[in-house]
């Protein structure tokens, strides 16, 4: 399983368009459309151009497959995927407590493997979480995966341990979209 652009094609259908409309408008080339149809990696500039044309977030145009299990590596076969000229599909290793993940899904409706995708949002924001634990340094991050997600995590060596995840509240979404006070939040990729 690899990359899928189904969200992009769903968005096209919602707008009454077809993929060929993108080539007719000069947004993408026919070979690029073929790559999108096959789920092959494309240059991030293509994603940005598509999102600008369709007025959507870059994270809304592609997604990674969901996997089951305690550890999740979203990289799969995407070593060549680039975004704004930077490779963002580097390997990240995630872990979490499976019981805590079940409780989190029951309480907040977000699986931790979905929350892991927030770390691949180019526009992701984060700040240190000084209030939630005296035992370890924790961080809060917000990234777009179908909606803005708010994720609390800790770094344990090379592993990112997800502590909790939920859909961001309205005030947090305003911060993410840049229309409210920052309150310690910083873009990971300024």
Protein backbone atom coordinates (compact mmCIF):
# COMPACT_ATOMS: atom_id res chain seq x y z
CA UNK A 1 0.00 0.00 0.00
CA UNK A 2 1.25 3.46 -0.80
CA UNK A 3 0.08 6.95 -1.45
CA UNK A 4 -3.49 7.62 -2.51
CA UNK A 5 -4.91 10.75 -4.09
CA UNK A 6 -8.52 9.68 -3.54
CA UNK A 7 -9.23 12.82 -1.47
CA UNK A 8 -8.17 14.90 -4.48
CA UNK A 9 -10.45 12.99 -6.82
CA UNK A 10 -13.34 13.20 -4.32
CA UNK A 11 -12.78 16.96 -4.22
CA UNK A 12 -12.89 17.09 -8.03
CA UNK A 13 -16.17 15.16 -8.07
CA UNK A 14 -17.61 17.50 -5.42
CA UNK A 15 -16.74 20.43 -7.69
CA UNK A 16 -18.25 18.69 -10.75
CA UNK A 17 -14.84 18.24 -12.38
CA UNK A 18 -12.75 15.43 -13.83
CA UNK A 19 -9.01 14.90 -13.73
CA UNK A 20 -8.82 15.74 -17.44
CA UNK A 21 -10.21 19.20 -16.61
CA UNK A 22 -6.95 19.85 -14.75
CA UNK A 23 -4.92 19.11 -17.88
CA UNK A 24 -7.25 21.19 -20.09
CA UNK A 25 -6.82 24.15 -17.70
CA UNK A 26 -3.03 23.70 -17.81
CA UNK A 27 -2.80 23.01 -14.07
CA UNK A 28 -1.03 19.66 -14.56
CA UNK A 29 0.32 17.69 -17.49
CA UNK A 30 -1.18 14.44 -18.80
CA UNK A 31 1.80 12.38 -17.49
CA UNK A 32 1.31 13.93 -14.03
CA UNK A 33 -2.40 13.06 -14.14
CA UNK A 34 -1.38 9.48 -14.96
CA UNK A 35 0.95 9.45 -11.93
CA UNK A 36 -1.87 10.72 -9.72
CA UNK A 37 -4.22 8.03 -11.06
CA UNK A 38 -1.62 5.35 -10.32
CA UNK A 39 -0.89 6.74 -6.84
CA UNK A 40 2.74 7.49 -7.71
CA UNK A 41 4.68 10.26 -5.95
CA UNK A 42 4.60 13.67 -7.62
CA UNK A 43 6.56 16.83 -6.94
CA UNK A 44 5.19 18.90 -4.07
CA UNK A 45 4.92 21.91 -6.38
CA UNK A 46 2.22 19.98 -8.24
CA UNK A 47 0.32 19.46 -4.98
CA UNK A 48 0.63 23.16 -4.16
CA UNK A 49 -0.58 24.18 -7.64
CA UNK A 50 -3.54 21.78 -7.39
CA UNK A 51 -4.46 22.99 -3.92
CA UNK A 52 -4.23 26.61 -4.97
CA UNK A 53 -6.47 25.93 -7.97
CA UNK A 54 -8.97 23.83 -5.97
CA UNK A 55 -8.75 26.05 -2.87
CA UNK A 56 -7.90 23.22 -0.49
CA UNK A 57 -5.19 22.42 2.08
CA UNK A 58 -2.22 20.40 0.78
CA UNK A 59 -2.97 17.66 3.32
CA UNK A 60 -6.50 17.37 1.93
CA UNK A 61 -5.30 16.24 -1.51
CA UNK A 62 -3.47 13.05 -0.61
CA UNK A 63 -3.41 10.55 2.24
CA UNK A 64 -1.47 7.59 3.50
CA UNK A 65 -3.02 4.19 4.09
CA UNK A 66 -4.16 3.30 7.59
CA UNK A 67 -2.32 0.42 9.18
CA UNK A 68 -2.99 -1.54 12.31
CA UNK A 69 -0.48 -2.13 15.05
CA UNK A 70 1.45 -0.43 17.77
CA UNK A 71 4.16 1.09 15.59
CA UNK A 72 3.37 3.00 12.42
CA UNK A 73 5.70 4.20 9.74
CA UNK A 74 3.84 6.40 7.26
CA UNK A 75 6.78 6.55 4.86
CA UNK A 76 5.99 3.31 3.00
CA UNK A 77 7.19 3.88 -0.60
CA UNK A 78 7.32 7.67 -0.57
CA UNK A 79 11.02 8.40 -0.32
CA UNK A 80 10.83 10.57 -3.44
CA UNK A 81 7.81 12.67 -2.47
CA UNK A 82 8.87 16.29 -2.21
CA UNK A 83 7.08 19.36 -0.94
CA UNK A 84 8.20 22.92 -1.70
CA UNK A 85 11.57 21.52 -2.68
CA UNK A 86 12.17 19.82 0.66
CA UNK A 87 11.84 16.11 1.26
CA UNK A 88 9.25 15.72 4.00
CA UNK A 89 8.64 12.01 3.78
CA UNK A 90 11.54 11.18 6.02
CA UNK A 91 11.20 8.25 8.33
CA UNK A 92 9.42 8.90 11.58
CA UNK A 93 8.72 6.11 14.03
CA UNK A 94 5.61 6.38 16.18
CA UNK A 95 4.52 4.37 19.17
CA UNK A 96 1.69 4.52 21.65
CA UNK A 97 -0.07 2.55 24.31
CA UNK A 98 -2.80 0.57 22.54
CA UNK A 99 -5.21 0.78 25.48
CA UNK A 100 -4.73 4.55 25.67
CA UNK A 101 -5.34 4.75 21.92
CA UNK A 102 -8.65 2.89 22.29
CA UNK A 103 -9.70 5.23 25.11
CA UNK A 104 -8.64 8.24 23.04
CA UNK A 105 -10.72 7.07 20.08
CA UNK A 106 -13.73 6.51 22.35
CA UNK A 107 -13.35 9.97 23.91
CA UNK A 108 -12.17 12.04 20.93
CA UNK A 109 -12.84 9.99 17.76
CA UNK A 110 -9.21 10.09 16.57
CA UNK A 111 -6.99 7.03 16.06
CA UNK A 112 -3.32 7.53 16.82
CA UNK A 113 -2.24 6.26 13.40
CA UNK A 114 -4.31 9.10 11.92
CA UNK A 115 -2.76 11.52 14.43
CA UNK A 116 0.69 10.43 13.21
CA UNK A 117 -0.13 11.89 9.78
CA UNK A 118 -0.33 15.37 11.33
CA UNK A 119 3.48 15.27 11.62
CA UNK A 120 3.71 15.27 7.81
CA UNK A 121 1.72 18.49 7.37
CA UNK A 122 4.14 21.06 5.98
CA UNK A 123 2.22 23.81 7.78
CA UNK A 124 2.29 21.99 11.13
CA UNK A 125 2.66 24.08 14.28
CA UNK A 126 4.00 23.06 17.66
CA UNK A 127 4.80 24.32 21.12
CA UNK A 128 6.20 22.89 24.32
CA UNK A 129 3.58 21.54 26.74
CA UNK A 130 4.85 22.56 30.17
CA UNK A 131 1.65 21.72 32.04
CA UNK A 132 0.87 18.07 31.37
CA UNK A 133 3.84 16.14 32.83
CA UNK A 134 6.61 16.60 35.35
CA UNK A 135 8.28 13.32 34.31
CA UNK A 136 9.07 14.03 30.65
CA UNK A 137 9.12 16.86 28.12
CA UNK A 138 5.91 16.90 26.15
CA UNK A 139 4.95 18.80 23.04
CA UNK A 140 1.72 19.85 21.40
CA UNK A 141 1.37 19.91 17.64
CA UNK A 142 -1.39 20.88 15.23
CA UNK A 143 -1.46 19.49 11.71
CA UNK A 144 -4.05 19.06 8.98
CA UNK A 145 -5.39 15.55 8.29
CA UNK A 146 -8.95 15.93 6.93
CA UNK A 147 -9.29 18.53 9.71
CA UNK A 148 -6.87 20.28 12.06
CA UNK A 149 -5.73 17.75 14.67
CA UNK A 150 -4.29 18.65 18.09
CA UNK A 151 -1.74 16.03 19.20
CA UNK A 152 0.22 15.74 22.45
CA UNK A 153 3.43 13.72 22.19
CA UNK A 154 6.78 13.00 23.80
CA UNK A 155 10.08 12.27 22.09
CA UNK A 156 11.83 9.17 23.34
CA UNK A 157 15.08 8.97 21.45
CA UNK A 158 14.17 8.56 17.78
CA UNK A 159 10.61 7.51 18.60
CA UNK A 160 7.62 9.84 18.82
CA UNK A 161 5.23 8.58 21.49
CA UNK A 162 1.71 9.84 20.92
CA UNK A 163 -0.02 10.63 24.21
CA UNK A 164 -3.38 12.00 23.01
CA UNK A 165 -5.08 13.36 19.90
CA UNK A 166 -8.29 15.17 19.08
CA UNK A 167 -9.79 17.49 16.51
CA UNK A 168 -8.62 21.01 17.32
CA UNK A 169 -11.11 23.40 18.90
CA UNK A 170 -12.30 26.50 17.07
CA UNK A 171 -9.77 28.81 18.77
CA UNK A 172 -6.92 26.38 18.00
CA UNK A 173 -8.06 26.19 14.39
CA UNK A 174 -7.93 29.99 14.16
CA UNK A 175 -4.35 29.86 15.46
CA UNK A 176 -3.47 27.17 12.91
CA UNK A 177 -5.01 29.15 10.06
CA UNK A 178 -3.22 32.30 11.21
CA UNK A 179 -6.20 34.40 12.21
CA UNK A 180 -5.69 34.49 15.96
CA UNK A 181 -3.00 35.02 18.58
CA UNK A 182 -0.12 32.59 18.42
CA UNK A 183 0.29 31.91 22.19
CA UNK A 184 3.67 30.18 21.90
CA UNK A 185 2.86 28.26 18.72
CA UNK A 186 5.49 28.17 15.97
CA UNK A 187 5.41 26.79 12.46
CA UNK A 188 7.75 23.84 12.13
CA UNK A 189 8.59 24.95 8.58
CA UNK A 190 8.51 28.79 8.69
